[in-house]
Protein backbone atom coordinates (compact mmCIF):
# COMPACT_ATOMS: atom_id res chain seq x y z
CA UNK A 1 31.82 -13.99 29.79
CA UNK A 2 28.16 -14.22 30.50
CA UNK A 3 26.12 -16.77 28.56
CA UNK A 4 22.68 -15.93 26.97
CA UNK A 5 19.91 -18.43 27.19
CA UNK A 6 16.32 -18.51 26.02
CA UNK A 7 13.48 -19.91 28.13
CA UNK A 8 10.67 -21.79 26.43
CA UNK A 9 6.99 -21.10 25.97
CA UNK A 10 7.20 -18.17 25.80
CA UNK A 11 10.89 -17.31 25.38
CA UNK A 12 12.65 -14.79 27.54
CA UNK A 13 16.15 -13.81 26.84
CA UNK A 14 18.31 -13.65 30.05
CA UNK A 15 22.02 -13.83 30.83
CA UNK A 16 23.33 -16.01 33.75
CA UNK A 17 27.01 -15.55 34.56
CA UNK A 18 28.21 -18.45 36.78
CA UNK A 19 31.62 -16.80 37.30
CA UNK A 20 29.97 -13.76 38.93
CA UNK A 21 30.13 -13.40 42.68
CA UNK A 22 26.49 -12.35 42.51
CA UNK A 23 24.24 -15.24 43.56
CA UNK A 24 22.24 -16.91 40.75
CA UNK A 25 18.94 -16.20 42.24
CA UNK A 26 19.80 -12.50 42.65
CA UNK A 27 20.93 -12.31 39.03
CA UNK A 28 17.68 -13.77 38.02
CA UNK A 29 15.59 -11.43 40.14
CA UNK A 30 17.50 -8.44 38.99
CA UNK A 31 17.21 -9.17 35.31
CA UNK A 32 13.42 -9.86 35.32
CA UNK A 33 12.88 -6.74 37.58
CA UNK A 34 14.89 -4.61 35.20
CA UNK A 35 13.06 -6.05 32.25
CA UNK A 36 9.74 -4.90 33.82
CA UNK A 37 10.96 -1.54 35.00
CA UNK A 38 12.37 -0.60 31.52
CA UNK A 39 9.28 -1.67 29.67
CA UNK A 40 10.91 -4.67 28.01
CA UNK A 41 8.21 -6.65 29.57
CA UNK A 42 4.78 -5.13 29.41
CA UNK A 43 1.82 -5.21 31.79
CA UNK A 44 -0.05 -8.54 31.38
CA UNK A 45 2.81 -10.12 29.41
CA UNK A 46 3.27 -13.85 30.20
CA UNK A 47 6.46 -15.21 31.63
CA UNK A 48 7.84 -18.69 30.96
CA UNK A 49 6.75 -21.34 33.43
CA UNK A 50 9.24 -21.99 36.33
CA UNK A 51 9.96 -25.49 34.86
CA UNK A 52 10.79 -24.21 31.29
CA UNK A 53 12.75 -21.25 32.51
CA UNK A 54 14.81 -23.45 34.93
CA UNK A 55 15.47 -25.91 32.06
CA UNK A 56 16.53 -23.21 29.54
CA UNK A 57 18.86 -21.59 32.00
CA UNK A 58 20.26 -24.70 33.64
CA UNK A 59 18.91 -23.74 37.06
CA UNK A 60 16.94 -25.57 39.67
CA UNK A 61 13.25 -25.17 39.37
CA UNK A 62 13.11 -24.32 43.08
CA UNK A 63 15.44 -21.31 42.55
CA UNK A 64 13.12 -19.93 39.76
CA UNK A 65 10.05 -20.44 41.88
CA UNK A 66 11.69 -18.59 44.72
CA UNK A 67 12.57 -15.72 42.23
CA UNK A 68 8.94 -15.54 41.03
CA UNK A 69 7.72 -15.55 44.62
CA UNK A 70 10.00 -12.67 45.54
CA UNK A 71 8.97 -10.56 42.58
CA UNK A 72 5.31 -11.25 43.18
CA UNK A 73 5.68 -10.06 46.84
CA UNK A 74 7.35 -6.88 45.49
CA UNK A 75 4.35 -6.36 43.15
CA UNK A 76 6.07 -7.02 39.93
CA UNK A 77 4.40 -10.35 38.99
CA UNK A 78 0.90 -11.71 39.49
CA UNK A 79 -0.04 -15.35 39.59
CA UNK A 80 -3.32 -17.23 39.67
CA UNK A 81 -4.01 -20.95 40.10
CA UNK A 82 -4.21 -22.63 36.72
CA UNK A 83 -2.84 -19.56 34.89
CA UNK A 84 0.57 -18.34 33.73
CA UNK A 85 2.74 -15.87 35.74
CA UNK A 86 2.31 -12.45 34.24
CA UNK A 87 3.60 -8.94 34.79
CA UNK A 88 1.52 -7.09 37.27
CA UNK A 89 -0.33 -3.88 36.44
CA UNK A 90 1.28 -0.62 37.34
CA UNK A 91 4.95 -1.65 37.03
CA UNK A 92 5.97 -0.89 33.45
CA UNK A 93 7.40 2.31 32.19
CA UNK A 94 7.80 3.24 28.53
CA UNK A 95 11.22 2.91 27.04
CA UNK A 96 13.23 6.06 26.72
CA UNK A 97 12.34 7.87 23.53
CA UNK A 98 9.30 5.74 22.89
CA UNK A 99 6.47 7.69 21.27
CA UNK A 100 3.07 7.45 22.80
CA UNK A 101 0.52 6.58 20.05
CA UNK A 102 -2.14 9.20 19.84
CA UNK A 103 -5.66 8.38 18.47
CA UNK A 104 -6.75 10.56 15.48
CA UNK A 105 -10.05 12.31 16.16
CA UNK A 106 -13.01 10.39 14.66
CA UNK A 107 -14.33 12.22 11.56
CA UNK A 108 -17.83 12.53 10.37
CA UNK A 109 -16.48 11.68 6.89
CA UNK A 110 -12.96 11.35 5.59
CA UNK A 111 -12.65 11.86 1.83
CA UNK A 112 -9.14 10.40 1.68
CA UNK A 113 -8.00 9.61 -1.87
CA UNK A 114 -6.45 6.33 -3.04
CA UNK A 115 -8.02 4.17 -0.39
CA UNK A 116 -10.41 1.36 -1.54
CA UNK A 117 -13.36 0.19 0.65
CA UNK A 118 -11.29 -1.73 3.27
CA UNK A 119 -14.42 -3.18 4.79
CA UNK A 120 -15.28 -4.74 1.41
CA UNK A 121 -12.16 -6.94 1.40
CA UNK A 122 -13.42 -10.46 0.63
CA UNK A 123 -11.91 -12.05 3.77
CA UNK A 124 -13.90 -15.33 3.53
CA UNK A 125 -12.86 -15.80 -0.10
CA UNK A 126 -9.29 -14.92 0.75
CA UNK A 127 -9.04 -17.40 3.55
CA UNK A 128 -10.54 -20.05 1.32
CA UNK A 129 -7.92 -19.29 -1.30
CA UNK A 130 -5.06 -19.45 1.18
CA UNK A 131 -6.33 -22.81 2.48
CA UNK A 132 -6.75 -24.14 -1.06
CA UNK A 133 -3.29 -22.90 -2.13
CA UNK A 134 -1.58 -24.39 0.93
CA UNK A 135 -3.45 -27.71 0.42
CA UNK A 136 -2.55 -28.15 -3.21
CA UNK A 137 0.84 -26.62 -3.52
CA UNK A 138 3.94 -28.88 -3.88
CA UNK A 139 6.60 -28.82 -1.26
CA UNK A 140 8.93 -27.20 -3.80
CA UNK A 141 6.82 -24.14 -3.66
CA UNK A 142 8.25 -23.46 -0.07
CA UNK A 143 11.78 -23.11 -1.53
CA UNK A 144 13.32 -20.00 -3.07
CA UNK A 145 11.62 -19.78 -6.43
CA UNK A 146 11.83 -17.86 -9.66
CA UNK A 147 12.44 -14.25 -8.79
CA UNK A 148 9.73 -13.36 -11.42
CA UNK A 149 7.23 -14.96 -9.22
CA UNK A 150 5.15 -18.15 -9.12
CA UNK A 151 4.75 -19.79 -12.43
CA UNK A 152 1.17 -20.57 -11.45
CA UNK A 153 0.18 -16.93 -10.84
CA UNK A 154 2.11 -15.70 -13.82
CA UNK A 155 0.15 -18.08 -16.03
CA UNK A 156 -3.21 -17.16 -14.47
CA UNK A 157 -2.45 -13.37 -14.39
CA UNK A 158 -1.27 -13.39 -18.01
CA UNK A 159 -4.57 -14.87 -19.05
CA UNK A 160 -6.60 -12.43 -16.93
CA UNK A 161 -4.71 -9.40 -18.31
CA UNK A 162 -5.23 -10.60 -21.88
CA UNK A 163 -8.91 -11.22 -21.23
CA UNK A 164 -9.77 -8.07 -19.09
CA UNK A 165 -7.12 -5.46 -20.05
CA UNK A 166 -6.42 -6.47 -23.67
CA UNK A 167 -2.67 -6.75 -22.71
CA UNK A 168 0.01 -8.52 -24.68
CA UNK A 169 0.64 -10.62 -21.63
CA UNK A 170 2.93 -13.77 -21.56
CA UNK A 171 4.03 -15.57 -18.35
CA UNK A 172 7.68 -15.37 -19.35
CA UNK A 173 7.55 -11.59 -19.48
CA UNK A 174 5.43 -11.04 -16.47
CA UNK A 175 7.11 -10.24 -13.10
CA UNK A 176 5.26 -10.36 -9.65
CA UNK A 177 6.31 -7.50 -7.40
CA UNK A 178 5.35 -6.19 -4.05
CA UNK A 179 2.90 -3.53 -5.16
CA UNK A 180 3.10 -0.64 -7.51
CA UNK A 181 5.84 1.13 -5.41
CA UNK A 182 8.31 -1.63 -5.93
CA UNK A 183 7.34 -2.09 -9.49
CA UNK A 184 7.97 1.59 -10.19
CA UNK A 185 11.29 1.57 -8.42
CA UNK A 186 12.47 -1.51 -10.33
CA UNK A 187 11.39 -0.10 -13.69
CA UNK A 188 13.24 3.20 -13.05
CA UNK A 189 16.40 1.49 -11.96
CA UNK A 190 16.15 -0.80 -15.14
CA UNK A 191 15.72 2.16 -17.55
CA UNK A 192 18.62 4.07 -15.66
CA UNK A 193 20.84 1.10 -16.30
CA UNK A 194 19.82 1.19 -20.03
CA UNK A 195 21.07 4.75 -20.35
CA UNK A 196 18.05 6.86 -19.45
CA UNK A 197 18.98 9.95 -17.51
CA UNK A 198 15.66 11.85 -17.21
CA UNK A 199 12.07 10.70 -16.52
CA UNK A 200 8.92 12.70 -17.25
CA UNK A 201 5.63 12.53 -15.31
CA UNK A 202 2.15 13.92 -15.60
CA UNK A 203 1.37 17.23 -13.98
CA UNK A 204 -0.79 17.05 -11.91
CA UNK A 205 0.13 13.58 -11.00
CA UNK A 206 2.27 11.98 -8.36
CA UNK A 207 5.35 14.27 -8.23
CA UNK A 208 6.54 13.22 -4.82
CA UNK A 209 6.33 9.46 -5.38
CA UNK A 210 7.96 9.60 -8.86
CA UNK A 211 10.59 12.07 -7.86
CA UNK A 212 11.60 10.02 -4.76
CA UNK A 213 11.81 6.81 -6.82
CA UNK A 214 13.68 8.48 -9.69
CA UNK A 215 16.19 10.08 -7.30
CA UNK A 216 16.98 6.68 -5.73
CA UNK A 217 17.60 5.45 -9.33
CA UNK A 218 19.84 8.44 -10.14
CA UNK A 219 17.37 9.99 -12.53
CA UNK A 220 16.28 13.47 -12.81
CA UNK A 221 12.55 14.38 -13.31
CA UNK A 222 10.52 16.77 -15.35
CA UNK A 223 6.75 17.42 -15.24
CA UNK A 224 4.59 17.46 -18.36
CA UNK A 225 1.21 19.21 -18.42
CA UNK A 226 -2.11 17.27 -18.60
CA UNK A 227 -5.20 18.74 -20.18
CA UNK A 228 -8.69 17.35 -20.97
CA UNK A 229 -7.21 14.86 -23.45
CA UNK A 230 -4.40 13.56 -21.27
CA UNK A 231 -0.74 14.12 -21.30
CA UNK A 232 0.59 16.73 -23.78
CA UNK A 233 2.86 14.53 -25.98
CA UNK A 234 4.37 17.60 -27.85
CA UNK A 235 5.35 19.10 -24.47
CA UNK A 236 6.83 15.59 -23.52
CA UNK A 237 8.95 15.45 -26.75
CA UNK A 238 10.33 18.93 -25.91
CA UNK A 239 11.76 17.80 -22.58
CA UNK A 240 14.34 15.41 -23.98
CA UNK A 241 13.17 12.72 -21.43
CA UNK A 242 13.39 9.11 -22.63
CA UNK A 243 10.95 7.63 -20.09
CA UNK A 244 7.56 8.93 -18.91
CA UNK A 245 5.14 7.66 -16.19
CA UNK A 246 1.49 7.81 -17.25
CA UNK A 247 -1.95 6.87 -16.01
CA UNK A 248 -3.69 6.52 -19.46
CA UNK A 249 -6.94 4.65 -18.44
CA UNK A 250 -7.90 6.96 -15.68
CA UNK A 251 -5.43 9.80 -15.18
CA UNK A 252 -4.52 10.52 -11.63
CA UNK A 253 -5.86 12.71 -10.27
CA UNK A 254 -7.92 14.57 -12.94
CA UNK A 255 -9.68 11.34 -14.06
CA UNK A 256 -9.48 12.08 -17.83
CA UNK A 257 -8.87 9.25 -20.24
CA UNK A 258 -5.90 9.53 -22.67
CA UNK A 259 -7.50 10.40 -25.99
CA UNK A 260 -6.97 7.85 -28.84
CA UNK A 261 -4.92 10.30 -30.92
CA UNK A 262 -2.69 11.03 -27.86
CA UNK A 263 -2.29 7.35 -27.16
CA UNK A 264 -0.95 6.79 -30.69
CA UNK A 265 1.28 9.86 -30.50
CA UNK A 266 2.70 8.80 -27.16
CA UNK A 267 3.64 5.29 -28.58
CA UNK A 268 5.02 6.95 -31.76
CA UNK A 269 7.28 9.19 -29.53
CA UNK A 270 8.48 6.09 -27.68
CA UNK A 271 9.41 4.32 -30.96
CA UNK A 272 11.11 7.35 -32.61
CA UNK A 273 13.20 8.16 -29.46
CA UNK A 274 13.81 4.58 -28.24
CA UNK A 275 12.06 5.54 -25.06
CA UNK A 276 9.98 3.71 -22.43
CA UNK A 277 6.45 4.42 -21.25
CA UNK A 278 5.77 3.21 -17.70
CA UNK A 279 1.99 2.65 -17.50
CA UNK A 280 0.41 2.78 -14.10
CA UNK A 281 -2.77 0.76 -14.51
CA UNK A 282 -4.07 1.43 -11.08
CA UNK A 283 -7.85 1.34 -11.03
CA UNK A 284 -9.08 0.45 -14.50
CA UNK A 285 -11.33 -2.25 -13.08
CA UNK A 286 -13.80 0.31 -11.78
CA UNK A 287 -15.66 2.11 -14.56
CA UNK A 288 -19.21 3.32 -14.75
CA UNK A 289 -20.58 5.29 -17.63
CA UNK A 290 -17.81 4.85 -20.26
CA UNK A 291 -16.51 2.01 -22.41
CA UNK A 292 -13.54 -0.02 -21.16
CA UNK A 293 -10.11 1.21 -22.23
CA UNK A 294 -7.36 -1.31 -22.88
CA UNK A 295 -3.71 -1.00 -21.88
CA UNK A 296 -1.02 0.87 -23.85
CA UNK A 297 1.10 -2.24 -23.44
CA UNK A 298 -1.32 -4.06 -25.57
CA UNK A 299 -0.50 -1.70 -28.46
CA UNK A 300 3.32 -1.82 -27.99
CA UNK A 301 4.85 -4.49 -25.72
CA UNK A 302 8.35 -3.45 -26.78
CA UNK A 303 8.18 0.07 -25.39
CA UNK A 304 5.57 -0.10 -22.45
CA UNK A 305 6.19 -1.35 -18.92
CA UNK A 306 2.75 -1.82 -17.54
CA UNK A 307 2.34 -2.08 -13.73
CA UNK A 308 -0.78 -3.16 -11.94
CA UNK A 309 -1.54 -4.23 -8.40
CA UNK A 310 -4.15 -5.59 -6.06
CA UNK A 311 -4.02 -2.54 -3.89
CA UNK A 312 -7.20 -0.95 -5.26
CA UNK A 313 -8.99 -4.06 -6.34
CA UNK A 314 -8.40 -5.99 -3.04
CA UNK A 315 -6.40 -4.13 -0.35
CA UNK A 316 -3.05 -2.19 -0.05
CA UNK A 317 -1.84 -4.40 2.74
CA UNK A 318 -1.50 -7.51 0.42
CA UNK A 319 1.53 -5.77 -1.33
CA UNK A 320 0.87 -7.77 -4.48
CA UNK A 321 1.56 -6.25 -7.88
CA UNK A 322 2.57 -7.36 -11.47
CA UNK A 323 4.70 -5.95 -14.26
CA UNK A 324 4.53 -6.71 -18.03
CA UNK A 325 8.13 -6.20 -19.13
CA UNK A 326 9.41 -5.34 -22.61
CA UNK A 327 11.72 -8.13 -24.01
CA UNK A 328 14.81 -5.99 -23.72
CA UNK A 329 14.16 -5.29 -19.98
CA UNK A 330 12.71 -8.71 -18.88
CA UNK A 331 16.17 -10.05 -17.76
CA UNK A 332 17.43 -6.83 -16.13
CA UNK A 333 14.20 -6.33 -14.22
CA UNK A 334 14.28 -10.04 -13.04
CA UNK A 335 17.87 -9.60 -11.90
CA UNK A 336 16.92 -6.33 -10.00
CA UNK A 337 13.97 -8.14 -8.41
CA UNK A 338 16.17 -10.88 -7.16
CA UNK A 339 18.64 -8.47 -5.74
CA UNK A 340 15.82 -6.61 -4.04
CA UNK A 341 14.09 -9.36 -2.14
CA UNK A 342 14.52 -12.67 -3.95
CA UNK A 343 10.82 -12.67 -4.77
CA UNK A 344 7.29 -11.84 -3.46
CA UNK A 345 5.79 -14.33 -0.86
CA UNK A 346 4.71 -17.41 -2.74
CA UNK A 347 1.63 -18.47 -0.68
CA UNK A 348 -0.05 -15.08 -1.23
CA UNK A 349 0.64 -15.44 -4.99
CA UNK A 350 -0.86 -18.90 -5.09
CA UNK A 351 -3.92 -17.60 -3.16
CA UNK A 352 -4.47 -14.78 -5.72
CA UNK A 353 -4.23 -17.27 -8.51
CA UNK A 354 -6.84 -19.36 -6.78
CA UNK A 355 -9.08 -16.37 -6.32
CA UNK A 356 -8.83 -15.41 -10.08
CA UNK A 357 -9.25 -19.07 -11.40
CA UNK A 358 -12.25 -19.69 -9.20
CA UNK A 359 -14.16 -16.68 -10.49
CA UNK A 360 -14.32 -15.14 -6.95
CA UNK A 361 -11.98 -12.21 -7.99
CA UNK A 362 -14.38 -11.22 -10.79
CA UNK A 363 -17.35 -11.63 -8.48
CA UNK A 364 -15.69 -9.40 -5.86
CA UNK A 365 -14.89 -6.68 -8.46
CA UNK A 366 -18.58 -6.76 -9.55
CA UNK A 367 -19.68 -6.28 -6.04
CA UNK A 368 -17.19 -3.33 -5.56
CA UNK A 369 -18.28 -1.68 -8.75
CA UNK A 370 -21.82 -1.57 -7.43
CA UNK A 371 -20.55 -0.22 -4.03
CA UNK A 372 -18.50 2.52 -5.60
CA UNK A 373 -21.19 3.41 -8.11
CA UNK A 374 -23.69 3.85 -5.13
CA UNK A 375 -21.08 6.06 -3.26
CA UNK A 376 -20.35 8.07 -6.38
CA UNK A 377 -24.14 8.75 -6.82
CA UNK A 378 -24.39 9.68 -3.15
CA UNK A 379 -21.46 12.14 -3.59
CA UNK A 380 -22.94 13.80 -6.67
CA UNK A 381 -26.48 14.17 -5.09
CA UNK A 382 -24.96 15.52 -1.89
CA UNK A 383 -22.85 18.11 -3.76
CA UNK A 384 -25.87 19.18 -5.94
CA UNK A 385 -27.97 19.74 -2.77
CA UNK A 386 -25.49 21.23 -0.39
CA UNK A 387 -22.87 22.84 -2.71
CA UNK A 388 -24.67 23.78 -5.96
CA UNK A 389 -22.52 25.44 -8.46
CA UNK A 390 -19.47 23.37 -7.59
CA UNK A 391 -18.35 21.54 -10.65
CA UNK A 392 -17.36 17.87 -10.20
CA UNK A 393 -15.19 15.99 -12.86
CA UNK A 394 -13.18 12.70 -13.01
CA UNK A 395 -16.24 10.53 -12.16
CA UNK A 396 -16.24 8.11 -15.16
CA UNK A 397 -14.15 5.56 -13.23
CA UNK A 398 -12.25 4.90 -10.01
CA UNK A 399 -13.35 6.05 -6.56
CA UNK A 400 -12.36 9.74 -6.45
CA UNK A 401 -13.59 12.96 -7.95
CA UNK A 402 -12.29 16.46 -8.43
CA UNK A 403 -14.31 19.40 -7.04
CA UNK A 404 -13.62 22.77 -8.68
CA UNK A 405 -13.88 25.61 -6.18
CA UNK A 406 -14.03 29.30 -6.74
CA UNK A 407 -10.46 30.48 -7.37
CA UNK A 408 -10.81 33.04 -4.66
CA UNK A 409 -11.07 30.20 -2.16
CA UNK A 410 -7.98 29.21 -0.26
CA UNK A 411 -7.32 25.55 -0.42
CA UNK A 412 -5.59 25.11 2.91
CA UNK A 413 -8.21 27.38 4.72
CA UNK A 414 -11.05 25.21 3.33
CA UNK A 415 -9.27 22.10 4.41
CA UNK A 416 -8.60 23.42 7.97
CA UNK A 417 -12.19 24.69 8.41
CA UNK A 418 -13.59 21.30 7.31
CA UNK A 419 -11.24 19.48 9.73
CA UNK A 420 -12.64 21.70 12.54
CA UNK A 421 -16.13 20.32 11.51
CA UNK A 422 -14.79 16.73 11.61
CA UNK A 423 -14.60 16.28 7.84
CA UNK A 424 -11.49 15.22 6.03
CA UNK A 425 -10.91 17.19 2.78
CA UNK A 426 -7.80 17.08 0.60
CA UNK A 427 -6.49 19.55 -1.94
CA UNK A 428 -4.97 19.18 -5.41
CA UNK A 429 -1.75 21.01 -4.39
CA UNK A 430 0.21 17.88 -3.48
CA UNK A 431 -0.47 16.53 -6.94
CA UNK A 432 1.01 19.46 -8.73
CA UNK A 433 4.78 19.91 -9.45
CA UNK A 434 4.70 23.41 -8.06
CA UNK A 435 2.51 22.41 -5.09
CA UNK A 436 0.40 25.56 -5.59
CA UNK A 437 -3.17 25.81 -4.42
CA UNK A 438 -4.50 27.44 -7.52
CA UNK A 439 -6.74 26.73 -9.43
CA UNK A 440 -8.51 25.68 -6.17
CA UNK A 441 -9.55 22.05 -6.49
CA UNK A 442 -10.28 19.35 -4.04
CA UNK A 443 -9.68 15.55 -4.65
CA UNK A 444 -12.57 13.77 -3.06
CA UNK A 445 -11.99 10.19 -2.48
CA UNK A 446 -15.17 8.17 -1.77
CA UNK A 447 -13.87 4.65 -1.77
CA UNK A 448 -13.71 4.12 1.93
CA UNK A 449 -16.53 6.41 2.96
CA UNK A 450 -19.74 4.88 4.07
CA UNK A 451 -22.61 5.69 1.74
CA UNK A 452 -24.54 7.26 4.67
CA UNK A 453 -21.63 9.30 5.79
CA UNK A 454 -21.15 10.98 2.39
CA UNK A 455 -24.25 13.27 2.50
CA UNK A 456 -23.66 14.04 6.11
CA UNK A 457 -20.05 15.04 5.45
CA UNK A 458 -20.87 17.23 2.42
CA UNK A 459 -23.71 18.87 4.27
CA UNK A 460 -21.36 19.88 7.06
CA UNK A 461 -18.93 21.58 4.56
CA UNK A 462 -21.35 22.71 1.82
CA UNK A 463 -20.87 26.44 2.66
CA UNK A 464 -17.06 26.15 2.62
CA UNK A 465 -17.12 24.66 -0.84
CA UNK A 466 -19.38 27.25 -2.26
CA UNK A 467 -17.84 30.22 -0.37
CA UNK A 468 -21.26 31.27 1.05
């Protein structure tokens, strides 16, 4: 039975069988040679020193040195005085079935939706917050903690949400999750366990995301139309659903704000039918020419699950989100979170708490509002100049807009023609439950598009937007 050993600095997993008639040196040469041939060891990759590999495998150092010398003579390894032994160029082959990554063509402008300005991530502030959190945290913070999340962040976040979003936020009913996607999945599983069988969603909205999460929770889904005042509450009541997912502060993707009378009607529906409203509070921090709108959860904490995240305010890669839980669902959601992953990484939570408490988070949001406002203005100006007559809506908040094209235009044809001109455009059809391309509308994300690239991109596709 061969034994497996690991070398040190760096480690390399090899198997030496002392019962085999094959000499030890030949075993070692063969395994290193095979690792290079199959691509397990890549060009330029460092091998353990002869001393460390010999110690780890229980071999003489001279045997390992002879092995390395032979493989170097065969062209598999390269050595240099004062440097580590590495895999030589020209010897690796990709593993069977491995996909070769292909670079996407560089676009003049890519109007992707849902992506914040990635270059605006406050890296110096985040590194400062990580260091401060690591320096001041107790050792107990490194243990498995409360599945709801760090008590420090829940306290800080509750205060922030009360101050900025007018939420009924209390640390004991706040749960830290790994972004909106996990929050939605947990919420749908919790309401399913409470007896809900059907969940409604806004149309247009996020049909694929919600249907996938609902299906995993054993729920059916039903779309509910959205108009210029937000979700149609009468149509919602007619569906028989007992949970609905909404984006009231800035409807995705139309950008409308849920009208006051609709907000009250929606909460009245939830109370009358003992239903739950899942509030996606995804980009309410970024508003320009309208008054701030508080959360639905602040009006009815018993029937609203409010989910927010740092994906739009900081960066999606952080995977940090939070949920304000109704009293009846706090314990079930906590249990589901514990079963899911035992809790979101604590150090990142403590860093976010530092960022908020220090005022650097608010400062970052002010800076991003100015950036997005300038990009919004650049988009409006460019459209008025290069695509006059194209109506644009949904600009009061966030970092995307909806462009309304002539209904005779074909959404996919416009997108394909724009791509041929190195401009990324994206249609409304994926946001509709029917996935139809009519009426013809484009969702123009400007969050991660450089202000100078916006007019150049619109100029390149202006005739496609107007149909000239």
